Amino acid sequence: ECLSLASIPDKCAQPTLLFYTYGPCATQVVSEIKDLNPLS
């Protein structure tokens, strides 16, 4: 599920999607990025 941050008030709006992930799926995703540099 995601929400659009383009839909919030203009001065805060941004072309961004915020995905909420949870449970085993979230654990799987975190396991794949936990050792990676966020800038890589």
PDB file of all heavy atoms in Angstrom:
ATOM      1  N   GLU A   1       0.857  -1.182   0.000  1.00  0.00           N
ATOM      2  CA  GLU A   1       0.000   0.000   0.000  1.00  0.00           C
ATOM      3  C   GLU A   1       0.891   1.229   0.000  1.00  0.00           C
ATOM      4  O   GLU A   1       1.933   1.252   0.652  1.00  0.00           O
ATOM      5  CB  GLU A   1      -0.904   0.022   1.229  1.00  0.00           C
ATOM      6  CG  GLU A   1      -1.842   1.212   1.272  1.00  0.00           C
ATOM      7  CD  GLU A   1      -2.857   1.106   2.388  1.00  0.00           C
ATOM      8  OE1 GLU A   1      -2.490   0.675   3.487  1.00  0.00           O
ATOM      9  OE2 GLU A   1      -4.025   1.465   2.160  1.00  0.00           O
ATOM     10  N   CYS A   2       0.499   2.245  -0.749  1.00  0.00           N
ATOM     11  CA  CYS A   2       1.283   3.478  -0.738  1.00  0.00           C
ATOM     12  C   CYS A   2       0.355   4.680  -0.745  1.00  0.00           C
ATOM     13  O   CYS A   2      -0.827   4.581  -1.079  1.00  0.00           O
ATOM     14  CB  CYS A   2       2.244   3.543  -1.917  1.00  0.00           C
ATOM     15  SG  CYS A   2       1.484   3.856  -3.526  1.00  0.00           S
ATOM     16  N   LEU A   3       0.894   5.806  -0.324  1.00  0.00           N
ATOM     17  CA  LEU A   3       0.145   7.049  -0.410  1.00  0.00           C
ATOM     18  C   LEU A   3       0.994   8.065  -1.171  1.00  0.00           C
ATOM     19  O   LEU A   3       2.226   8.002  -1.188  1.00  0.00           O
ATOM     20  CB  LEU A   3      -0.272   7.569   0.958  1.00  0.00           C
ATOM     21  CG  LEU A   3       0.787   8.027   1.958  1.00  0.00           C
ATOM     22  CD1 LEU A   3       1.145   9.489   1.751  1.00  0.00           C
ATOM     23  CD2 LEU A   3       0.265   7.828   3.382  1.00  0.00           C
ATOM     24  N   SER A   4       0.313   8.993  -1.800  1.00  0.00           N
ATOM     25  CA  SER A   4       0.953   9.990  -2.645  1.00  0.00           C
ATOM     26  C   SER A   4       1.226  11.259  -1.852  1.00  0.00           C
ATOM     27  O   SER A   4       0.296  11.904  -1.345  1.00  0.00           O
ATOM     28  CB  SER A   4       0.053  10.319  -3.839  1.00  0.00           C
ATOM     29  OG  SER A   4       0.516  11.480  -4.506  1.00  0.00           O
ATOM     30  N   LEU A   5       2.493  11.630  -1.742  1.00  0.00           N
ATOM     31  CA  LEU A   5       2.838  12.876  -1.073  1.00  0.00           C
ATOM     32  C   LEU A   5       2.676  14.074  -2.007  1.00  0.00           C
ATOM     33  O   LEU A   5       2.903  15.211  -1.596  1.00  0.00           O
ATOM     34  CB  LEU A   5       4.266  12.809  -0.541  1.00  0.00           C
ATOM     35  CG  LEU A   5       4.536  11.722   0.510  1.00  0.00           C
ATOM     36  CD1 LEU A   5       5.898  11.926   1.152  1.00  0.00           C
ATOM     37  CD2 LEU A   5       3.452  11.676   1.571  1.00  0.00           C
ATOM     38  N   ALA A   6       2.261  13.812  -3.240  1.00  0.00           N
ATOM     39  CA  ALA A   6       1.879  14.910  -4.125  1.00  0.00           C
ATOM     40  C   ALA A   6       0.497  15.448  -3.763  1.00  0.00           C
ATOM     41  O   ALA A   6       0.096  16.504  -4.256  1.00  0.00           O
ATOM     42  CB  ALA A   6       1.890  14.443  -5.579  1.00  0.00           C
ATOM     43  N   SER A   7      -0.217  14.724  -2.887  1.00  0.00           N
ATOM     44  CA  SER A   7      -1.593  15.095  -2.541  1.00  0.00           C
ATOM     45  C   SER A   7      -1.683  15.909  -1.257  1.00  0.00           C
ATOM     46  O   SER A   7      -2.776  16.325  -0.884  1.00  0.00           O
ATOM     47  CB  SER A   7      -2.445  13.824  -2.379  1.00  0.00           C
ATOM     48  OG  SER A   7      -2.483  13.093  -3.584  1.00  0.00           O
ATOM     49  N   ILE A   8      -0.561  16.122  -0.578  1.00  0.00           N
ATOM     50  CA  ILE A   8      -0.594  16.904   0.647  1.00  0.00           C
ATOM     51  C   ILE A   8      -0.510  18.387   0.300  1.00  0.00           C
ATOM     52  O   ILE A   8      -0.272  18.748  -0.863  1.00  0.00           O
ATOM     53  CB  ILE A   8       0.522  16.465   1.620  1.00  0.00           C
ATOM     54  CG1 ILE A   8       1.911  16.645   0.996  1.00  0.00           C
ATOM     55  CG2 ILE A   8       0.312  15.028   2.038  1.00  0.00           C
ATOM     56  CD1 ILE A   8       3.045  16.217   1.917  1.00  0.00           C
ATOM     57  N   PRO A   9      -0.733  19.301   1.256  1.00  0.00           N
ATOM     58  CA  PRO A   9      -0.753  20.742   0.932  1.00  0.00           C
ATOM     59  C   PRO A   9       0.466  21.194   0.136  1.00  0.00           C
ATOM     60  O   PRO A   9       1.572  20.679   0.303  1.00  0.00           O
ATOM     61  CB  PRO A   9      -0.798  21.392   2.318  1.00  0.00           C
ATOM     62  CG  PRO A   9      -1.532  20.394   3.165  1.00  0.00           C
ATOM     63  CD  PRO A   9      -1.068  19.053   2.668  1.00  0.00           C
ATOM     64  N   ASP A  10       0.241  22.202  -0.717  1.00  0.00           N
ATOM     65  CA  ASP A  10       1.221  22.594  -1.721  1.00  0.00           C
ATOM     66  C   ASP A  10       2.614  22.827  -1.170  1.00  0.00           C
ATOM     67  O   ASP A  10       3.604  22.377  -1.754  1.00  0.00           O
ATOM     68  CB  ASP A  10       0.743  23.849  -2.461  1.00  0.00           C
ATOM     69  CG  ASP A  10      -0.401  23.552  -3.411  1.00  0.00           C
ATOM     70  OD1 ASP A  10      -0.618  22.362  -3.704  1.00  0.00           O
ATOM     71  OD2 ASP A  10      -1.078  24.500  -3.840  1.00  0.00           O
ATOM     72  N   LYS A  11       2.733  23.549  -0.057  1.00  0.00           N
ATOM     73  CA  LYS A  11       4.076  23.894   0.413  1.00  0.00           C
ATOM     74  C   LYS A  11       4.826  22.678   0.958  1.00  0.00           C
ATOM     75  O   LYS A  11       6.035  22.740   1.175  1.00  0.00           O
ATOM     76  CB  LYS A  11       4.010  24.987   1.486  1.00  0.00           C
ATOM     77  CG  LYS A  11       3.349  24.605   2.787  1.00  0.00           C
ATOM     78  CD  LYS A  11       3.402  25.797   3.743  1.00  0.00           C
ATOM     79  CE  LYS A  11       2.763  25.490   5.083  1.00  0.00           C
ATOM     80  NZ  LYS A  11       2.848  26.638   6.019  1.00  0.00           N
ATOM     81  N   CYS A  12       4.116  21.565   1.173  1.00  0.00           N
ATOM     82  CA  CYS A  12       4.752  20.334   1.640  1.00  0.00           C
ATOM     83  C   CYS A  12       4.755  19.245   0.564  1.00  0.00           C
ATOM     84  O   CYS A  12       5.433  18.228   0.726  1.00  0.00           O
ATOM     85  CB  CYS A  12       4.030  19.797   2.871  1.00  0.00           C
ATOM     86  SG  CYS A  12       3.980  20.935   4.262  1.00  0.00           S
ATOM     87  N   ALA A  13       4.002  19.446  -0.497  1.00  0.00           N
ATOM     88  CA  ALA A  13       3.835  18.401  -1.513  1.00  0.00           C
ATOM     89  C   ALA A  13       5.168  18.086  -2.183  1.00  0.00           C
ATOM     90  O   ALA A  13       6.030  18.949  -2.360  1.00  0.00           O
ATOM     91  CB  ALA A  13       2.811  18.836  -2.551  1.00  0.00           C
ATOM     92  N   GLN A  14       5.326  16.836  -2.545  1.00  0.00           N
ATOM     93  CA  GLN A  14       6.533  16.397  -3.239  1.00  0.00           C
ATOM     94  C   GLN A  14       6.181  15.217  -4.150  1.00  0.00           C
ATOM     95  O   GLN A  14       5.218  14.491  -3.886  1.00  0.00           O
ATOM     96  CB  GLN A  14       7.625  16.013  -2.244  1.00  0.00           C
ATOM     97  CG  GLN A  14       7.196  15.029  -1.170  1.00  0.00           C
ATOM     98  CD  GLN A  14       8.316  14.717  -0.187  1.00  0.00           C
ATOM     99  OE1 GLN A  14       9.280  14.044  -0.537  1.00  0.00           O
ATOM    100  NE2 GLN A  14       8.178  15.205   1.025  1.00  0.00           N
ATOM    101  N   PRO A  15       6.940  15.013  -5.218  1.00  0.00           N
ATOM    102  CA  PRO A  15       6.643  13.922  -6.158  1.00  0.00           C
ATOM    103  C   PRO A  15       7.134  12.583  -5.624  1.00  0.00           C
ATOM    104  O   PRO A  15       7.997  11.921  -6.201  1.00  0.00           O
ATOM    105  CB  PRO A  15       7.410  14.352  -7.418  1.00  0.00           C
ATOM    106  CG  PRO A  15       8.588  15.111  -6.889  1.00  0.00           C
ATOM    107  CD  PRO A  15       8.071  15.846  -5.668  1.00  0.00           C
ATOM    108  N   THR A  16       6.575  12.198  -4.502  1.00  0.00           N
ATOM    109  CA  THR A  16       7.062  11.037  -3.757  1.00  0.00           C
ATOM    110  C   THR A  16       5.920  10.097  -3.423  1.00  0.00           C
ATOM    111  O   THR A  16       4.816  10.540  -3.081  1.00  0.00           O
ATOM    112  CB  THR A  16       7.757  11.495  -2.458  1.00  0.00           C
ATOM    113  OG1 THR A  16       8.892  12.294  -2.791  1.00  0.00           O
ATOM    114  CG2 THR A  16       8.198  10.319  -1.605  1.00  0.00           C
ATOM    115  N   LEU A  17       6.190   8.804  -3.492  1.00  0.00           N
ATOM    116  CA  LEU A  17       5.280   7.775  -3.007  1.00  0.00           C
ATOM    117  C   LEU A  17       5.849   7.209  -1.718  1.00  0.00           C
ATOM    118  O   LEU A  17       7.042   6.907  -1.640  1.00  0.00           O
ATOM    119  CB  LEU A  17       5.126   6.663  -4.037  1.00  0.00           C
ATOM    120  CG  LEU A  17       4.514   7.055  -5.383  1.00  0.00           C
ATOM    121  CD1 LEU A  17       4.662   5.918  -6.382  1.00  0.00           C
ATOM    122  CD2 LEU A  17       3.043   7.447  -5.225  1.00  0.00           C
ATOM    123  N   LEU A  18       4.992   7.078  -0.730  1.00  0.00           N
ATOM    124  CA  LEU A  18       5.387   6.474   0.539  1.00  0.00           C
ATOM    125  C   LEU A  18       4.756   5.090   0.625  1.00  0.00           C
ATOM    126  O   LEU A  18       3.534   4.958   0.719  1.00  0.00           O
ATOM    127  CB  LEU A  18       4.934   7.345   1.711  1.00  0.00           C
ATOM    128  CG  LEU A  18       4.988   6.729   3.121  1.00  0.00           C
ATOM    129  CD1 LEU A  18       6.362   6.169   3.439  1.00  0.00           C
ATOM    130  CD2 LEU A  18       4.558   7.753   4.165  1.00  0.00           C
ATOM    131  N   PHE A  19       5.582   4.053   0.557  1.00  0.00           N
ATOM    132  CA  PHE A  19       5.112   2.679   0.677  1.00  0.00           C
ATOM    133  C   PHE A  19       5.243   2.223   2.124  1.00  0.00           C
ATOM    134  O   PHE A  19       6.286   2.410   2.762  1.00  0.00           O
ATOM    135  CB  PHE A  19       5.946   1.748  -0.213  1.00  0.00           C
ATOM    136  CG  PHE A  19       5.532   1.751  -1.651  1.00  0.00           C
ATOM    137  CD1 PHE A  19       5.972   2.748  -2.508  1.00  0.00           C
ATOM    138  CD2 PHE A  19       4.702   0.755  -2.161  1.00  0.00           C
ATOM    139  CE1 PHE A  19       5.599   2.758  -3.845  1.00  0.00           C
ATOM    140  CE2 PHE A  19       4.321   0.756  -3.497  1.00  0.00           C
ATOM    141  CZ  PHE A  19       4.764   1.759  -4.342  1.00  0.00           C
ATOM    142  N   TYR A  20       4.159   1.639   2.644  1.00  0.00           N
ATOM    143  CA  TYR A  20       4.185   0.991   3.953  1.00  0.00           C
ATOM    144  C   TYR A  20       4.303  -0.517   3.739  1.00  0.00           C
ATOM    145  O   TYR A  20       3.470  -1.119   3.067  1.00  0.00           O
ATOM    146  CB  TYR A  20       2.895   1.281   4.728  1.00  0.00           C
ATOM    147  CG  TYR A  20       2.768   2.706   5.214  1.00  0.00           C
ATOM    148  CD1 TYR A  20       2.028   3.637   4.487  1.00  0.00           C
ATOM    149  CD2 TYR A  20       3.381   3.118   6.384  1.00  0.00           C
ATOM    150  CE1 TYR A  20       1.900   4.944   4.937  1.00  0.00           C
ATOM    151  CE2 TYR A  20       3.259   4.429   6.841  1.00  0.00           C
ATOM    152  CZ  TYR A  20       2.514   5.336   6.107  1.00  0.00           C
ATOM    153  OH  TYR A  20       2.399   6.627   6.559  1.00  0.00           O
ATOM    154  N   THR A  21       5.317  -1.110   4.301  1.00  0.00           N
ATOM    155  CA  THR A  21       5.479  -2.560   4.211  1.00  0.00           C
ATOM    156  C   THR A  21       5.660  -3.106   5.618  1.00  0.00           C
ATOM    157  O   THR A  21       6.138  -2.397   6.509  1.00  0.00           O
ATOM    158  CB  THR A  21       6.660  -2.920   3.289  1.00  0.00           C
ATOM    159  OG1 THR A  21       6.703  -4.329   3.096  1.00  0.00           O
ATOM    160  CG2 THR A  21       7.971  -2.402   3.827  1.00  0.00           C
ATOM    161  N   TYR A  22       5.282  -4.337   5.843  1.00  0.00           N
ATOM    162  CA  TYR A  22       5.171  -4.830   7.218  1.00  0.00           C
ATOM    163  C   TYR A  22       5.381  -6.343   7.261  1.00  0.00           C
ATOM    164  O   TYR A  22       5.336  -7.039   6.240  1.00  0.00           O
ATOM    165  CB  TYR A  22       3.791  -4.488   7.788  1.00  0.00           C
ATOM    166  CG  TYR A  22       2.663  -5.038   6.964  1.00  0.00           C
ATOM    167  CD1 TYR A  22       2.125  -6.294   7.225  1.00  0.00           C
ATOM    168  CD2 TYR A  22       2.153  -4.338   5.872  1.00  0.00           C
ATOM    169  CE1 TYR A  22       1.115  -6.828   6.435  1.00  0.00           C
ATOM    170  CE2 TYR A  22       1.141  -4.848   5.083  1.00  0.00           C
ATOM    171  CZ  TYR A  22       0.630  -6.104   5.367  1.00  0.00           C
ATOM    172  OH  TYR A  22      -0.349  -6.635   4.582  1.00  0.00           O
ATOM    173  N   GLY A  23       5.593  -6.840   8.461  1.00  0.00           N
ATOM    174  CA  GLY A  23       5.676  -8.276   8.686  1.00  0.00           C
ATOM    175  C   GLY A  23       6.827  -8.933   7.940  1.00  0.00           C
ATOM    176  O   GLY A  23       7.884  -8.335   7.725  1.00  0.00           O
ATOM    177  N   PRO A  24       6.653 -10.192   7.513  1.00  0.00           N
ATOM    178  CA  PRO A  24       7.730 -10.925   6.828  1.00  0.00           C
ATOM    179  C   PRO A  24       8.232 -10.237   5.569  1.00  0.00           C
ATOM    180  O   PRO A  24       9.420 -10.329   5.245  1.00  0.00           O
ATOM    181  CB  PRO A  24       7.075 -12.274   6.500  1.00  0.00           C
ATOM    182  CG  PRO A  24       6.003 -12.441   7.519  1.00  0.00           C
ATOM    183  CD  PRO A  24       5.474 -11.059   7.762  1.00  0.00           C
ATOM    184  N   CYS A  25       7.344  -9.546   4.846  1.00  0.00           N
ATOM    185  CA  CYS A  25       7.783  -8.831   3.652  1.00  0.00           C
ATOM    186  C   CYS A  25       8.778  -7.737   4.036  1.00  0.00           C
ATOM    187  O   CYS A  25       9.832  -7.589   3.404  1.00  0.00           O
ATOM    188  CB  CYS A  25       6.588  -8.234   2.926  1.00  0.00           C
ATOM    189  SG  CYS A  25       7.016  -7.253   1.471  1.00  0.00           S
ATOM    190  N   ALA A  26       8.445  -6.966   5.064  1.00  0.00           N
ATOM    191  CA  ALA A  26       9.358  -5.921   5.524  1.00  0.00           C
ATOM    192  C   ALA A  26      10.680  -6.517   5.980  1.00  0.00           C
ATOM    193  O   ALA A  26      11.753  -5.972   5.692  1.00  0.00           O
ATOM    194  CB  ALA A  26       8.713  -5.126   6.650  1.00  0.00           C
ATOM    195  N   THR A  27      10.611  -7.638   6.681  1.00  0.00           N
ATOM    196  CA  THR A  27      11.827  -8.300   7.134  1.00  0.00           C
ATOM    197  C   THR A  27      12.699  -8.720   5.960  1.00  0.00           C
ATOM    198  O   THR A  27      13.928  -8.581   5.982  1.00  0.00           O
ATOM    199  CB  THR A  27      11.478  -9.517   8.009  1.00  0.00           C
ATOM    200  OG1 THR A  27      10.724  -9.081   9.152  1.00  0.00           O
ATOM    201  CG2 THR A  27      12.728 -10.237   8.482  1.00  0.00           C
ATOM    202  N   GLN A  28      12.058  -9.253   4.903  1.00  0.00           N
ATOM    203  CA  GLN A  28      12.790  -9.674   3.722  1.00  0.00           C
ATOM    204  C   GLN A  28      13.490  -8.489   3.050  1.00  0.00           C
ATOM    205  O   GLN A  28      14.671  -8.564   2.684  1.00  0.00           O
ATOM    206  CB  GLN A  28      11.838 -10.341   2.728  1.00  0.00           C
ATOM    207  CG  GLN A  28      12.460 -10.758   1.413  1.00  0.00           C
ATOM    208  CD  GLN A  28      13.435 -11.915   1.550  1.00  0.00           C
ATOM    209  OE1 GLN A  28      13.327 -12.699   2.483  1.00  0.00           O
ATOM    210  NE2 GLN A  28      14.384 -12.009   0.635  1.00  0.00           N
ATOM    211  N   VAL A  29      12.774  -7.376   2.897  1.00  0.00           N
ATOM    212  CA  VAL A  29      13.353  -6.202   2.246  1.00  0.00           C
ATOM    213  C   VAL A  29      14.511  -5.650   3.066  1.00  0.00           C
ATOM    214  O   VAL A  29      15.585  -5.330   2.534  1.00  0.00           O
ATOM    215  CB  VAL A  29      12.275  -5.123   2.019  1.00  0.00           C
ATOM    216  CG1 VAL A  29      12.897  -3.836   1.497  1.00  0.00           C
ATOM    217  CG2 VAL A  29      11.212  -5.621   1.051  1.00  0.00           C
ATOM    218  N   VAL A  30      14.308  -5.553   4.385  1.00  0.00           N
ATOM    219  CA  VAL A  30      15.372  -5.026   5.254  1.00  0.00           C
ATOM    220  C   VAL A  30      16.607  -5.914   5.186  1.00  0.00           C
ATOM    221  O   VAL A  30      17.747  -5.427   5.172  1.00  0.00           O
ATOM    222  CB  VAL A  30      14.859  -4.878   6.700  1.00  0.00           C
ATOM    223  CG1 VAL A  30      16.022  -4.603   7.663  1.00  0.00           C
ATOM    224  CG2 VAL A  30      13.836  -3.757   6.789  1.00  0.00           C
ATOM    225  N   SER A  31      16.393  -7.222   5.124  1.00  0.00           N
ATOM    226  CA  SER A  31      17.540  -8.141   5.073  1.00  0.00           C
ATOM    227  C   SER A  31      18.377  -7.924   3.819  1.00  0.00           C
ATOM    228  O   SER A  31      19.592  -8.158   3.823  1.00  0.00           O
ATOM    229  CB  SER A  31      17.056  -9.594   5.141  1.00  0.00           C
ATOM    230  OG  SER A  31      16.419  -9.986   3.931  1.00  0.00           O
ATOM    231  N   GLU A  32      17.734  -7.457   2.737  1.00  0.00           N
ATOM    232  CA  GLU A  32      18.450  -7.256   1.479  1.00  0.00           C
ATOM    233  C   GLU A  32      19.220  -5.935   1.434  1.00  0.00           C
ATOM    234  O   GLU A  32      20.159  -5.789   0.642  1.00  0.00           O
ATOM    235  CB  GLU A  32      17.466  -7.323   0.309  1.00  0.00           C
ATOM    236  CG  GLU A  32      16.848  -8.705   0.116  1.00  0.00           C
ATOM    237  CD  GLU A  32      15.872  -8.755  -1.045  1.00  0.00           C
ATOM    238  OE1 GLU A  32      15.799  -7.750  -1.798  1.00  0.00           O
ATOM    239  OE2 GLU A  32      15.192  -9.782  -1.216  1.00  0.00           O
ATOM    240  N   ILE A  33      18.840  -4.965   2.275  1.00  0.00           N
ATOM    241  CA  ILE A  33      19.499  -3.652   2.215  1.00  0.00           C
ATOM    242  C   ILE A  33      20.286  -3.317   3.475  1.00  0.00           C
ATOM    243  O   ILE A  33      20.969  -2.295   3.515  1.00  0.00           O
ATOM    244  CB  ILE A  33      18.474  -2.527   1.966  1.00  0.00           C
ATOM    245  CG1 ILE A  33      17.482  -2.423   3.137  1.00  0.00           C
ATOM    246  CG2 ILE A  33      17.749  -2.730   0.648  1.00  0.00           C
ATOM    247  CD1 ILE A  33      16.605  -1.179   3.098  1.00  0.00           C
ATOM    248  N   LYS A  34      20.209  -4.165   4.503  1.00  0.00           N
ATOM    249  CA  LYS A  34      20.762  -3.789   5.809  1.00  0.00           C
ATOM    250  C   LYS A  34      22.257  -3.491   5.782  1.00  0.00           C
ATOM    251  O   LYS A  34      22.760  -2.692   6.576  1.00  0.00           O
ATOM    252  CB  LYS A  34      20.461  -4.872   6.843  1.00  0.00           C
ATOM    253  CG  LYS A  34      21.103  -6.225   6.600  1.00  0.00           C
ATOM    254  CD  LYS A  34      20.676  -7.233   7.665  1.00  0.00           C
ATOM    255  CE  LYS A  34      21.266  -8.608   7.448  1.00  0.00           C
ATOM    256  NZ  LYS A  34      22.732  -8.621   7.593  1.00  0.00           N
ATOM    257  N   ASP A  35      22.988  -4.101   4.863  1.00  0.00           N
ATOM    258  CA  ASP A  35      24.434  -3.891   4.795  1.00  0.00           C
ATOM    259  C   ASP A  35      24.850  -2.969   3.658  1.00  0.00           C
ATOM    260  O   ASP A  35      26.046  -2.818   3.382  1.00  0.00           O
ATOM    261  CB  ASP A  35      25.154  -5.238   4.647  1.00  0.00           C
ATOM    262  CG  ASP A  35      24.932  -6.152   5.840  1.00  0.00           C
ATOM    263  OD1 ASP A  35      24.914  -5.632   6.975  1.00  0.00           O
ATOM    264  OD2 ASP A  35      24.763  -7.368   5.630  1.00  0.00           O
ATOM    265  N   LEU A  36      23.866  -2.342   2.994  1.00  0.00           N
ATOM    266  CA  LEU A  36      24.167  -1.494   1.839  1.00  0.00           C
ATOM    267  C   LEU A  36      24.214  -0.020   2.237  1.00  0.00           C
ATOM    268  O   LEU A  36      23.431   0.442   3.078  1.00  0.00           O
ATOM    269  CB  LEU A  36      23.117  -1.690   0.742  1.00  0.00           C
ATOM    270  CG  LEU A  36      22.950  -3.105   0.195  1.00  0.00           C
ATOM    271  CD1 LEU A  36      21.862  -3.117  -0.882  1.00  0.00           C
ATOM    272  CD2 LEU A  36      24.266  -3.636  -0.368  1.00  0.00           C
ATOM    273  N   ASN A  37      25.101   0.710   1.624  1.00  0.00           N
ATOM    274  CA  ASN A  37      25.178   2.159   1.816  1.00  0.00           C
ATOM    275  C   ASN A  37      23.987   2.804   1.112  1.00  0.00           C
ATOM    276  O   ASN A  37      23.783   2.585  -0.086  1.00  0.00           O
ATOM    277  CB  ASN A  37      26.481   2.685   1.224  1.00  0.00           C
ATOM    278  CG  ASN A  37      26.683   4.172   1.466  1.00  0.00           C
ATOM    279  OD1 ASN A  37      25.739   4.934   1.609  1.00  0.00           O
ATOM    280  ND2 ASN A  37      27.937   4.598   1.495  1.00  0.00           N
ATOM    281  N   PRO A  38      23.177   3.605   1.842  1.00  0.00           N
ATOM    282  CA  PRO A  38      22.003   4.232   1.201  1.00  0.00           C
ATOM    283  C   PRO A  38      22.346   5.116   0.016  1.00  0.00           C
ATOM    284  O   PRO A  38      21.455   5.457  -0.771  1.00  0.00           O
ATOM    285  CB  PRO A  38      21.383   5.048   2.341  1.00  0.00           C
ATOM    286  CG  PRO A  38      21.824   4.355   3.584  1.00  0.00           C
ATOM    287  CD  PRO A  38      23.212   3.863   3.289  1.00  0.00           C
ATOM    288  N   LEU A  39      23.606   5.499  -0.130  1.00  0.00           N
ATOM    289  CA  LEU A  39      23.999   6.325  -1.262  1.00  0.00           C
ATOM    290  C   LEU A  39      24.499   5.500  -2.440  1.00  0.00           C
ATOM    291  O   LEU A  39      24.835   6.048  -3.497  1.00  0.00           O
ATOM    292  CB  LEU A  39      25.094   7.313  -0.835  1.00  0.00           C
ATOM    293  CG  LEU A  39      24.716   8.300   0.276  1.00  0.00           C
ATOM    294  CD1 LEU A  39      25.907   9.184   0.622  1.00  0.00           C
ATOM    295  CD2 LEU A  39      23.512   9.144  -0.123  1.00  0.00           C
ATOM    296  N   SER A  40      24.546   4.186  -2.275  1.00  0.00           N
ATOM    297  CA  SER A  40      25.112   3.324  -3.312  1.00  0.00           C
ATOM    298  C   SER A  40      24.091   2.995  -4.402  1.00  0.00           C
ATOM    299  O   SER A  40      22.877   3.013  -4.174  1.00  0.00           O
ATOM    300  CB  SER A  40      25.637   2.030  -2.701  1.00  0.00           C
ATOM    301  OG  SER A  40      24.561   1.231  -2.226  1.00  0.00           O
TER     302      SER A  40
END
